[in-house]
Amino acid sequence: MRIFSAICFSIFFLLLLSRNSYANEAMLQSLQESLQDLQRSVKTLESTVESQNEVIRQQGTQIEILQHSQQTLGQSSALSTASLPAEAPKAAGLSQGFNPDIGVTGTVQTKLTQDKIDGEGNNAIALKELELDFAHVVDPFSRLDAIIGFNDNIEAQNVDIEEAYYTRWGLPLGFTAQLGKFRSKIGKENLRHLHQLDTADYPLVIQDFFGEEGLASSGARLQNNIPNPWDIPLEITGEVLRGNNGPSFSGISRRPIFNSHLKTFFELTKDTNLELGWTTLFGDENPPQFSQVDKSGEDVNAPASDGRNKYGVKVYGADATFKWFLPEEKVVKFQNELYFQSRGNLVHPNEDPWGFYSLLDYKFSPKFSTGLRFDYLEPLDVIGQHRRTVGISPYITFWQSEFADFKLQYEHLEPANGDDKSDNMIFLQVDFLIGAHKHPVQ
């Protein structure tokens, strides 16, 4: 019996050893596979590092080329390939990095109206605007933007520098500066080009106070964010503008317009936000004066050039934009702007013109949006002129893609002068885009 027990114990011990041997062998095989995977990963990492080193070497070569070209700029009109670094690649295609971003935007508009006056665009189809957009960084500190506009007027085609300005950021105290011609930072709609509007035309108060397409002028702009203990975004902008633009002011270049704009932004919830702004403009009125005599010996109106009624025009404005982002890319926007003036009546008969608009826009699908704009205006000129004071403009927009959209708008206008008839208009507008066309975020 003892012999039998010993034999059984020996067999059990041998089986246990065999099992451990198999386990050790399996573990060893697993370790070998892990080591092989690690070796492959190391080889892949080495290949990646080598490719990154090659990219760094190529970039270093390009930097040497740029530095060399800057040193020899002005001494020779061509860069000799013999003077390049030994490892320099061929320069073919390298200059493409210096080419600006170029875009073309077109707006074709059809306008049908009850107005009997043969005004520009009435009962006609025309290329309302064609923009050529050039933009590129100048160096690590600055950027240049230029927008050249063409339009097909009834009288004659014309070309206009809509915007052309140099931006320099990283100034002391965090300021950003812009020099050139730009759309003045007034509220919301004045900053936008025609094809960027939700509607087919600018609100009535913008047209009456700042021009048919808003106020754009040569000048200088400084902009910065104001730190505050509440950590609320607070942007302040100051502008000095050439005074020859905008019907509210003198129209004389040497009499500048001063503008300041304050903007803040609130995240109300994860799906809603509110943007608020305030605008203040000061400028000369420069009333006409009977100081010149024509060839027939009669007095004629001549604008005062001596800055009469200096800074006699004060324009104040407030804007508020509420956005609500809904599921399935739906967006509701409620945008409002109000402007009022304090001025003399030496140029325009209304001493206290004011007006506002409210726009409700609902993008109910990625392809369609619809909305309504309400305008109220007590214009600069009321007496004896056909000036609209109330307008209702429903519209619908089809977004064919991010490069093309179609807009249909109806507009009903009641004139300021009660003796004039109301007007009804229909706009059909097409906007199209090719290339790069990115206006700076405002």
Protein backbone atom coordinates (compact mmCIF):
# COMPACT_ATOMS: atom_id res chain seq x y z
CA MET A 1 0.00 0.00 0.00
CA ARG A 2 2.84 2.32 0.82
CA ILE A 3 4.48 1.49 -2.48
CA PHE A 4 1.25 2.25 -4.33
CA SER A 5 0.92 5.62 -2.53
CA ALA A 6 4.50 6.50 -3.36
CA ILE A 7 3.95 5.66 -7.01
CA CYS A 8 0.82 7.83 -7.14
CA PHE A 9 2.60 10.72 -5.48
CA SER A 10 5.49 10.44 -7.96
CA ILE A 11 3.10 10.44 -10.90
CA PHE A 12 1.29 13.51 -9.48
CA PHE A 13 4.59 15.32 -8.96
CA LEU A 14 5.73 14.59 -12.49
CA LEU A 15 2.44 15.85 -13.89
CA LEU A 16 2.79 19.05 -11.88
CA LEU A 17 6.31 19.60 -13.15
CA SER A 18 5.15 18.99 -16.70
CA ARG A 19 2.33 21.53 -16.30
CA ASN A 20 4.72 24.12 -14.92
CA SER A 21 7.09 23.44 -17.78
CA TYR A 22 4.32 24.05 -20.30
CA ALA A 23 3.32 27.25 -18.47
CA ASN A 24 6.89 28.50 -18.45
CA GLU A 25 7.25 27.73 -22.12
CA ALA A 26 4.03 29.64 -22.94
CA MET A 27 5.18 32.59 -20.85
CA LEU A 28 8.55 32.59 -22.58
CA GLN A 29 6.88 32.59 -25.98
CA SER A 30 4.65 35.51 -24.96
CA LEU A 31 7.68 37.48 -23.80
CA GLN A 32 9.46 36.81 -27.09
CA GLU A 33 6.43 38.11 -29.06
CA SER A 34 6.27 41.24 -26.89
CA LEU A 35 9.95 41.85 -27.48
CA GLN A 36 9.47 41.52 -31.24
CA ASP A 37 6.56 44.04 -31.13
CA LEU A 38 8.73 46.42 -29.14
CA GLN A 39 11.56 46.11 -31.66
CA ARG A 40 9.15 46.86 -34.52
CA SER A 41 7.83 49.93 -32.63
CA VAL A 42 11.38 51.18 -32.08
CA LYS A 43 12.13 50.81 -35.78
CA THR A 44 8.95 52.71 -36.67
CA LEU A 45 9.88 55.47 -34.20
CA GLU A 46 13.37 55.68 -35.65
CA SER A 47 11.88 56.05 -39.15
CA THR A 48 9.54 58.80 -37.95
CA VAL A 49 12.36 60.69 -36.24
CA GLU A 50 14.48 60.43 -39.37
CA SER A 51 11.67 61.81 -41.55
CA GLN A 52 11.13 64.68 -39.07
CA ASN A 53 14.84 65.44 -39.14
CA GLU A 54 14.67 65.56 -42.93
CA VAL A 55 11.77 68.04 -42.78
CA ILE A 56 13.74 70.17 -40.31
CA ARG A 57 16.79 70.09 -42.61
CA GLN A 58 14.63 71.19 -45.58
CA GLN A 59 13.09 74.02 -43.55
CA GLY A 60 16.52 75.11 -42.41
CA THR A 61 17.66 75.20 -46.04
CA GLN A 62 14.64 77.32 -47.01
CA ILE A 63 15.35 79.72 -44.14
CA GLU A 64 18.93 80.07 -45.38
CA ILE A 65 17.58 80.82 -48.86
CA LEU A 66 15.25 83.49 -47.49
CA GLN A 67 17.97 85.07 -45.37
CA HIS A 68 20.32 85.06 -48.33
CA SER A 69 17.72 86.64 -50.62
CA GLN A 70 17.03 89.39 -48.06
CA GLN A 71 20.75 90.18 -47.77
CA THR A 72 21.16 90.45 -51.52
CA LEU A 73 17.86 92.32 -52.12
CA GLY A 74 18.59 95.58 -53.89
CA GLN A 75 22.01 94.46 -55.04
CA SER A 76 20.78 92.13 -57.75
CA SER A 77 17.44 91.53 -59.39
CA ALA A 78 18.08 87.81 -59.72
CA LEU A 79 19.30 85.30 -57.20
CA SER A 80 22.26 83.40 -58.49
CA THR A 81 21.97 79.68 -58.01
CA ALA A 82 25.75 79.49 -57.52
CA SER A 83 25.48 81.55 -54.34
CA LEU A 84 22.91 79.29 -52.72
CA PRO A 85 23.85 76.85 -49.94
CA ALA A 86 25.32 73.57 -51.17
CA GLU A 87 22.30 71.56 -50.01
CA ALA A 88 19.71 74.06 -51.28
CA PRO A 89 16.92 72.47 -53.31
CA LYS A 90 15.83 73.92 -56.58
CA ALA A 91 13.94 77.17 -56.07
CA ALA A 92 11.23 76.15 -58.53
CA GLY A 93 7.92 76.41 -56.70
CA LEU A 94 9.46 77.96 -53.59
CA SER A 95 8.12 81.41 -54.49
CA GLN A 96 4.60 80.03 -54.52
CA GLY A 97 4.66 80.36 -50.74
CA PHE A 98 4.81 84.15 -51.20
CA ASN A 99 1.74 84.34 -53.44
CA PRO A 100 -1.31 85.91 -51.72
CA ASP A 101 -4.59 84.13 -51.17
CA ILE A 102 -6.88 85.20 -54.01
CA GLY A 103 -10.65 84.98 -54.18
CA VAL A 104 -13.46 86.24 -56.39
CA THR A 105 -16.97 86.94 -55.11
CA GLY A 106 -19.85 88.00 -57.32
CA THR A 107 -23.35 89.26 -56.57
CA VAL A 108 -25.98 89.37 -59.32
CA GLN A 109 -29.21 91.09 -58.32
CA THR A 110 -32.60 91.55 -59.96
CA LYS A 111 -34.79 94.31 -58.55
CA LEU A 112 -38.44 94.95 -59.43
CA THR A 113 -40.10 98.04 -57.95
CA GLN A 114 -43.23 100.18 -58.19
CA ASP A 115 -41.07 103.30 -58.04
CA LYS A 116 -41.35 105.13 -61.38
CA ILE A 117 -37.94 106.76 -61.07
CA ASP A 118 -35.29 105.23 -63.33
CA GLY A 119 -32.87 104.72 -60.49
CA GLU A 120 -29.87 102.41 -60.46
CA GLY A 121 -31.05 98.80 -60.45
CA ASN A 122 -34.78 99.51 -60.73
CA ASN A 123 -36.55 96.87 -62.85
CA ALA A 124 -33.22 95.52 -64.04
CA ILE A 125 -30.79 92.67 -63.64
CA ALA A 126 -27.20 93.65 -63.05
CA LEU A 127 -23.90 92.54 -61.66
CA LYS A 128 -24.34 94.38 -58.41
CA GLU A 129 -20.83 93.72 -57.23
CA LEU A 130 -17.72 91.74 -58.12
CA GLU A 131 -14.97 91.57 -55.53
CA LEU A 132 -11.35 90.58 -56.00
CA ASP A 133 -9.85 89.68 -52.65
CA PHE A 134 -6.10 89.55 -52.01
CA ALA A 135 -4.75 88.64 -48.59
CA HIS A 136 -1.51 87.32 -47.13
CA VAL A 137 0.76 87.60 -44.14
CA VAL A 138 3.56 90.10 -44.70
CA ASP A 139 5.80 88.71 -41.96
CA PRO A 140 5.29 87.10 -38.53
CA PHE A 141 3.98 90.43 -37.22
CA SER A 142 1.59 91.70 -39.89
CA ARG A 143 -0.87 91.00 -42.68
CA LEU A 144 -2.19 92.81 -45.77
CA ASP A 145 -5.79 92.63 -47.02
CA ALA A 146 -7.07 94.26 -50.21
CA ILE A 147 -10.56 94.07 -51.74
CA ILE A 148 -11.15 95.64 -55.15
CA GLY A 149 -14.80 96.05 -56.15
CA PHE A 150 -16.35 96.30 -59.62
CA ASN A 151 -20.00 96.93 -60.48
CA ASP A 152 -22.09 97.26 -63.60
CA ASN A 153 -23.86 100.59 -63.13
CA ILE A 154 -26.41 101.81 -65.66
CA GLU A 155 -24.43 104.97 -66.39
CA ALA A 156 -20.96 103.42 -66.47
CA GLN A 157 -18.98 100.62 -64.95
CA ASN A 158 -16.69 101.66 -62.13
CA VAL A 159 -13.91 100.29 -59.97
CA ASP A 160 -13.53 101.01 -56.28
CA ILE A 161 -11.01 100.14 -53.59
CA GLU A 162 -13.46 98.78 -51.06
CA GLU A 163 -10.80 97.90 -48.52
CA ALA A 164 -7.01 97.86 -48.49
CA TYR A 165 -5.35 97.87 -45.12
CA TYR A 166 -2.24 96.72 -43.28
CA THR A 167 -2.68 94.98 -39.92
CA ARG A 168 0.07 94.95 -37.29
CA TRP A 169 -0.43 92.89 -34.15
CA GLY A 170 1.76 92.31 -31.10
CA LEU A 171 2.15 96.01 -30.30
CA PRO A 172 2.95 97.15 -26.74
CA LEU A 173 0.19 96.49 -24.19
CA GLY A 174 -1.41 94.01 -26.58
CA PHE A 175 -2.72 96.53 -29.14
CA THR A 176 -3.48 95.70 -32.77
CA ALA A 177 -3.29 98.46 -35.39
CA GLN A 178 -4.69 98.82 -38.90
CA LEU A 179 -3.77 101.42 -41.52
CA GLY A 180 -5.42 102.00 -44.89
CA LYS A 181 -9.01 101.91 -46.06
CA PHE A 182 -11.45 99.70 -44.19
CA ARG A 183 -15.11 99.42 -43.22
CA SER A 184 -15.55 101.39 -40.03
CA LYS A 185 -16.34 99.41 -36.88
CA ILE A 186 -19.91 100.64 -36.50
CA GLY A 187 -22.35 98.12 -35.05
CA LYS A 188 -22.76 94.90 -37.03
CA GLU A 189 -24.03 95.44 -40.58
CA ASN A 190 -21.62 98.24 -41.52
CA LEU A 191 -18.72 95.80 -41.16
CA ARG A 192 -20.18 93.41 -43.73
CA HIS A 193 -19.97 93.37 -47.50
CA LEU A 194 -23.10 93.00 -49.59
CA HIS A 195 -22.75 89.25 -50.07
CA GLN A 196 -22.37 88.75 -46.30
CA LEU A 197 -25.72 90.33 -45.43
CA ASP A 198 -28.75 88.27 -44.46
CA THR A 199 -30.86 90.57 -46.65
CA ALA A 200 -30.46 91.92 -50.18
CA ASP A 201 -29.76 95.48 -49.01
CA TYR A 202 -28.48 97.37 -45.98
CA PRO A 203 -30.91 98.53 -43.27
CA LEU A 204 -32.45 101.95 -43.90
CA VAL A 205 -30.72 103.63 -40.95
CA ILE A 206 -27.31 102.45 -42.22
CA GLN A 207 -28.04 103.76 -45.73
CA ASP A 208 -29.32 107.13 -44.49
CA PHE A 209 -26.63 107.83 -41.88
CA PHE A 210 -23.54 106.23 -43.48
CA GLY A 211 -24.23 105.70 -47.19
CA GLU A 212 -25.98 103.20 -49.46
CA GLU A 213 -23.38 100.52 -48.63
CA GLY A 214 -22.26 101.81 -45.25
CA LEU A 215 -19.19 103.77 -44.21
CA ALA A 216 -15.77 102.74 -45.49
CA SER A 217 -12.94 105.23 -45.28
CA SER A 218 -9.18 105.62 -45.13
CA GLY A 219 -7.77 106.00 -41.67
CA ALA A 220 -6.11 104.37 -38.69
CA ARG A 221 -7.52 101.94 -36.15
CA LEU A 222 -6.29 100.75 -32.74
CA GLN A 223 -7.92 97.80 -31.00
CA ASN A 224 -7.39 95.98 -27.72
CA ASN A 225 -9.08 93.81 -25.12
CA ILE A 226 -9.69 95.38 -21.72
CA PRO A 227 -8.85 93.15 -18.74
CA ASN A 228 -11.44 93.18 -15.97
CA PRO A 229 -12.01 91.35 -12.65
CA TRP A 230 -15.10 89.57 -14.06
CA ASP A 231 -13.10 87.97 -16.90
CA ILE A 232 -15.68 89.18 -19.44
CA PRO A 233 -14.53 89.68 -23.07
CA LEU A 234 -14.39 93.45 -23.53
CA GLU A 235 -13.01 94.85 -26.79
CA ILE A 236 -12.42 98.55 -27.40
CA THR A 237 -11.67 100.12 -30.80
CA GLY A 238 -10.66 103.66 -31.72
CA GLU A 239 -10.58 105.05 -35.28
CA VAL A 240 -9.53 108.25 -36.99
CA LEU A 241 -11.20 108.35 -40.42
CA ARG A 242 -10.96 110.54 -43.48
CA GLY A 243 -14.02 112.80 -43.42
CA ASN A 244 -14.99 112.67 -47.09
CA ASN A 245 -17.42 109.77 -46.64
CA GLY A 246 -20.79 109.35 -44.99
CA PRO A 247 -23.77 111.68 -45.59
CA SER A 248 -23.96 112.58 -41.88
CA PHE A 249 -20.63 114.44 -41.95
CA SER A 250 -18.88 117.27 -43.77
CA GLY A 251 -17.65 115.33 -46.83
CA ILE A 252 -14.30 117.15 -46.58
CA SER A 253 -11.11 115.10 -46.33
CA ARG A 254 -9.30 117.46 -43.97
CA ARG A 255 -12.10 117.27 -41.39
CA PRO A 256 -11.64 113.80 -39.83
CA ILE A 257 -14.27 111.58 -38.26
CA PHE A 258 -13.50 110.05 -34.87
CA ASN A 259 -15.10 106.73 -33.99
CA SER A 260 -14.99 104.51 -30.92
CA HIS A 261 -16.61 101.12 -30.48
CA LEU A 262 -17.02 98.94 -27.41
CA LYS A 263 -18.07 95.28 -27.65
CA THR A 264 -18.68 92.49 -25.16
CA PHE A 265 -19.88 88.89 -25.36
CA PHE A 266 -21.75 86.58 -22.98
CA GLU A 267 -22.28 82.81 -23.05
CA LEU A 268 -25.76 82.62 -21.55
CA THR A 269 -26.03 78.84 -21.78
CA LYS A 270 -24.21 76.11 -23.69
CA ASP A 271 -26.57 76.81 -26.66
CA THR A 272 -27.15 80.59 -26.44
CA ASN A 273 -24.97 83.70 -26.48
CA LEU A 274 -25.41 87.46 -26.52
CA GLU A 275 -23.18 90.13 -28.09
CA LEU A 276 -23.55 93.80 -27.11
CA GLY A 277 -21.92 96.86 -28.64
CA TRP A 278 -21.84 100.65 -28.39
CA THR A 279 -20.65 103.12 -31.06
CA THR A 280 -19.83 106.84 -30.81
CA LEU A 281 -18.84 109.04 -33.77
CA PHE A 282 -17.87 112.72 -33.87
CA GLY A 283 -17.44 114.84 -37.00
CA ASP A 284 -17.90 118.25 -38.60
CA GLU A 285 -21.14 119.38 -40.18
CA ASN A 286 -19.65 122.12 -42.42
CA PRO A 287 -22.85 123.73 -43.71
CA PRO A 288 -23.03 125.29 -47.19
CA GLN A 289 -22.33 129.02 -47.32
CA PHE A 290 -23.02 131.70 -49.92
CA SER A 291 -19.43 132.77 -50.32
CA GLN A 292 -18.72 132.20 -54.00
CA VAL A 293 -19.96 133.96 -57.08
CA ASP A 294 -20.31 132.15 -60.40
CA LYS A 295 -19.65 133.60 -63.88
CA SER A 296 -23.12 135.13 -64.04
CA GLY A 297 -22.50 137.06 -60.82
CA GLU A 298 -24.91 135.05 -58.68
CA ASP A 299 -24.15 133.52 -55.30
CA VAL A 300 -23.76 129.75 -55.28
CA ASN A 301 -23.54 127.27 -52.43
CA ALA A 302 -20.01 126.31 -51.48
CA PRO A 303 -19.09 123.98 -48.65
CA ALA A 304 -17.31 125.62 -45.76
CA SER A 305 -13.69 124.50 -45.67
CA ASP A 306 -12.73 126.02 -42.33
CA GLY A 307 -14.33 123.39 -40.13
CA ARG A 308 -17.39 125.43 -39.22
CA ASN A 309 -19.55 123.77 -36.56
CA LYS A 310 -16.52 121.75 -35.55
CA TYR A 311 -17.50 118.30 -34.26
CA GLY A 312 -21.10 119.48 -34.44
CA VAL A 313 -22.29 116.02 -35.51
CA LYS A 314 -22.51 113.35 -32.84
CA VAL A 315 -23.76 109.87 -33.76
CA TYR A 316 -24.49 107.28 -31.10
CA GLY A 317 -25.38 103.64 -31.69
CA ALA A 318 -26.17 100.45 -29.79
CA ASP A 319 -26.31 96.90 -31.11
CA ALA A 320 -27.43 93.59 -29.60
CA THR A 321 -27.27 90.14 -31.23
CA PHE A 322 -28.74 87.01 -29.65
CA LYS A 323 -28.02 83.53 -31.06
CA TRP A 324 -29.63 80.22 -30.18
CA PHE A 325 -28.07 77.03 -31.54
CA LEU A 326 -30.57 74.20 -31.92
CA PRO A 327 -30.08 70.51 -32.80
CA GLU A 328 -29.56 69.43 -36.42
CA GLU A 329 -27.56 72.62 -37.27
CA LYS A 330 -30.56 74.91 -36.76
CA VAL A 331 -29.82 78.47 -35.62
CA VAL A 332 -32.02 81.35 -34.49
CA LYS A 333 -30.54 84.88 -34.65
CA PHE A 334 -32.15 88.06 -33.35
CA GLN A 335 -30.08 91.14 -34.33
CA ASN A 336 -30.85 94.78 -33.51
CA GLU A 337 -29.16 98.13 -34.09
CA LEU A 338 -30.28 101.62 -33.03
CA TYR A 339 -28.69 104.95 -34.00
CA PHE A 340 -29.48 108.56 -33.15
CA GLN A 341 -27.79 111.89 -33.81
CA SER A 342 -27.29 115.26 -32.22
CA ARG A 343 -26.56 117.90 -34.87
CA GLY A 344 -27.45 121.29 -36.28
CA ASN A 345 -29.89 121.75 -39.15
CA LEU A 346 -27.49 123.68 -41.35
CA VAL A 347 -27.00 120.84 -43.86
CA HIS A 348 -29.92 118.51 -43.21
CA PRO A 349 -33.28 119.77 -41.95
CA ASN A 350 -33.68 117.13 -39.23
CA GLU A 351 -31.79 118.07 -36.06
CA ASP A 352 -32.50 114.76 -34.30
CA PRO A 353 -32.56 111.96 -36.86
CA TRP A 354 -32.74 108.45 -35.50
CA GLY A 355 -33.67 104.96 -36.56
CA PHE A 356 -33.33 101.27 -35.84
CA TYR A 357 -33.84 97.85 -37.36
CA SER A 358 -34.63 94.42 -35.96
CA LEU A 359 -33.78 91.26 -37.86
CA LEU A 360 -35.01 87.77 -36.97
CA ASP A 361 -33.31 84.99 -38.91
CA TYR A 362 -34.03 81.25 -38.63
CA LYS A 363 -31.77 78.73 -40.32
CA PHE A 364 -34.11 75.76 -40.20
CA SER A 365 -31.87 73.39 -42.19
CA PRO A 366 -28.30 73.33 -43.53
CA LYS A 367 -29.69 74.44 -46.91
CA PHE A 368 -32.40 76.98 -46.03
CA SER A 369 -32.85 80.05 -43.86
CA THR A 370 -35.66 82.55 -43.67
CA GLY A 371 -36.18 85.78 -41.82
CA LEU A 372 -37.80 89.19 -41.46
CA ARG A 373 -36.27 92.66 -41.09
CA PHE A 374 -38.22 95.62 -39.71
CA ASP A 375 -36.90 99.17 -40.31
CA TYR A 376 -37.90 102.43 -38.69
CA LEU A 377 -36.21 105.70 -39.64
CA GLU A 378 -36.61 109.41 -39.09
CA PRO A 379 -34.12 110.44 -41.79
CA LEU A 380 -31.68 113.29 -42.18
CA ASP A 381 -33.82 114.85 -44.93
CA VAL A 382 -37.60 114.70 -44.69
CA ILE A 383 -39.00 117.82 -46.34
CA GLY A 384 -39.70 117.59 -50.07
CA GLN A 385 -37.82 114.36 -50.62
CA HIS A 386 -38.89 110.75 -51.08
CA ARG A 387 -37.36 109.17 -47.99
CA ARG A 388 -38.59 105.88 -46.56
CA THR A 389 -39.26 105.71 -42.87
CA VAL A 390 -40.84 102.27 -42.30
CA GLY A 391 -39.93 99.04 -44.02
CA ILE A 392 -40.84 95.36 -43.74
CA SER A 393 -38.61 92.86 -45.57
CA PRO A 394 -39.27 89.10 -45.42
CA TYR A 395 -36.77 86.86 -47.23
CA ILE A 396 -35.72 83.26 -47.81
CA THR A 397 -32.23 82.01 -48.69
CA PHE A 398 -31.20 78.73 -50.31
CA TRP A 399 -27.64 77.69 -49.52
CA GLN A 400 -26.66 75.56 -52.49
CA SER A 401 -23.22 75.17 -50.93
CA GLU A 402 -20.73 77.28 -49.01
CA PHE A 403 -19.72 78.76 -52.39
CA ALA A 404 -23.16 79.71 -53.80
CA ASP A 405 -26.49 80.91 -52.41
CA PHE A 406 -29.79 82.27 -53.75
CA LYS A 407 -31.94 84.86 -51.97
CA LEU A 408 -35.55 85.98 -52.61
CA GLN A 409 -36.75 89.07 -50.75
CA TYR A 410 -39.91 91.18 -50.70
CA GLU A 411 -39.73 94.70 -49.31
CA HIS A 412 -42.54 97.13 -48.46
CA LEU A 413 -41.57 100.73 -47.73
CA GLU A 414 -43.61 103.65 -46.43
CA PRO A 415 -42.08 107.08 -47.27
CA ALA A 416 -41.31 109.73 -44.67
CA ASN A 417 -43.17 112.28 -46.77
CA GLY A 418 -46.87 111.43 -46.49
CA ASP A 419 -47.56 112.88 -49.95
CA ASP A 420 -45.52 110.12 -51.61
CA LYS A 421 -46.82 106.66 -52.34
CA SER A 422 -45.60 103.52 -50.67
CA ASP A 423 -43.27 101.26 -52.61
CA ASN A 424 -43.11 97.50 -53.05
CA MET A 425 -39.97 95.76 -54.28
CA ILE A 426 -38.83 92.24 -55.05
CA PHE A 427 -35.16 91.22 -54.99
CA LEU A 428 -33.68 88.05 -56.44
CA GLN A 429 -29.99 87.77 -55.60
CA VAL A 430 -27.29 85.22 -56.36
CA ASP A 431 -23.93 85.15 -54.58
CA PHE A 432 -21.04 83.00 -55.77
CA LEU A 433 -17.46 82.51 -54.65
CA ILE A 434 -14.28 80.95 -55.95
CA GLY A 435 -10.85 80.83 -54.38
CA ALA A 436 -10.06 82.09 -50.89
CA HIS A 437 -12.24 84.85 -49.49
CA LYS A 438 -11.96 85.16 -45.74
CA HIS A 439 -12.84 88.49 -44.23
CA PRO A 440 -11.26 88.96 -40.79
CA VAL A 441 -13.52 87.95 -37.93
CA GLN A 442 -15.07 91.03 -36.38
